[in-house]
């Protein structure tokens, strides 16, 4: 299982928020590049970066911070937030992003995801953000009547590298993973699933790995990593 320490960007700073609400942001580092170096130095093999402002506004807002992260580390970066077109995808792949995350367009314009996955095989991830069982879009500000599996199955044979499933109801709460919910999606589709939202301790990683059924390919580490509840070395050992 691959662990993805998160760097969520708001107004150029590294923050954590509750349920995706930007008004709840807590700043953990004013230098996202320095934070990226910390996670790379801790031994993580990927870094998960989200432009929170961009997700809401539908365009890149924290581009300078992303570029600073890419310049600071050689660790592969996956990036989401406000990426809405093939031109956006191309820009970031050319800038050095290893995997581009598409969320809102996966719901409203799935053909963009399919074409992106054709052009950049395995470098496209689909973000499926779930609140009360239904998929949310536009930086989690709008709801749909679709469930996660319905959206995920649109891309089953498209060459998408990963599905990032975020449990909005638990995001930022450090209340623990809903292991069965993540597992059910992993069982339903062949695309590798990365779990996000609510991770509280290394025990969550152990439970996620131990569940029966299709393996969950990865997990995003957020607030619990920043507040010291999770030790990077212990987490990496548990995930190996």
Foldseek 3Di string as FASTA:
>chain_A
DAEAEEFEDDPQFGWAAALLDPVRTDGLGSQLLVVLVVVVVLPHQEYEYEDSVLLQVLADDNVVSVLSNQVNDPRAYEYEGNQAALVSVVVVVVSPHQAYEDEQCLVVPVVRVLVSCVVPALRYEYEFEDEPQFGAGNSRPGTDRHGPLVSVVVCQPSRHQEYEYEDSNQAPVLQADPLVVQQVSLQSGVHAYEYEGNNNALVNLLVQQPDDHHHRDYYYDYDNVSVVRYRSVSSVVSND
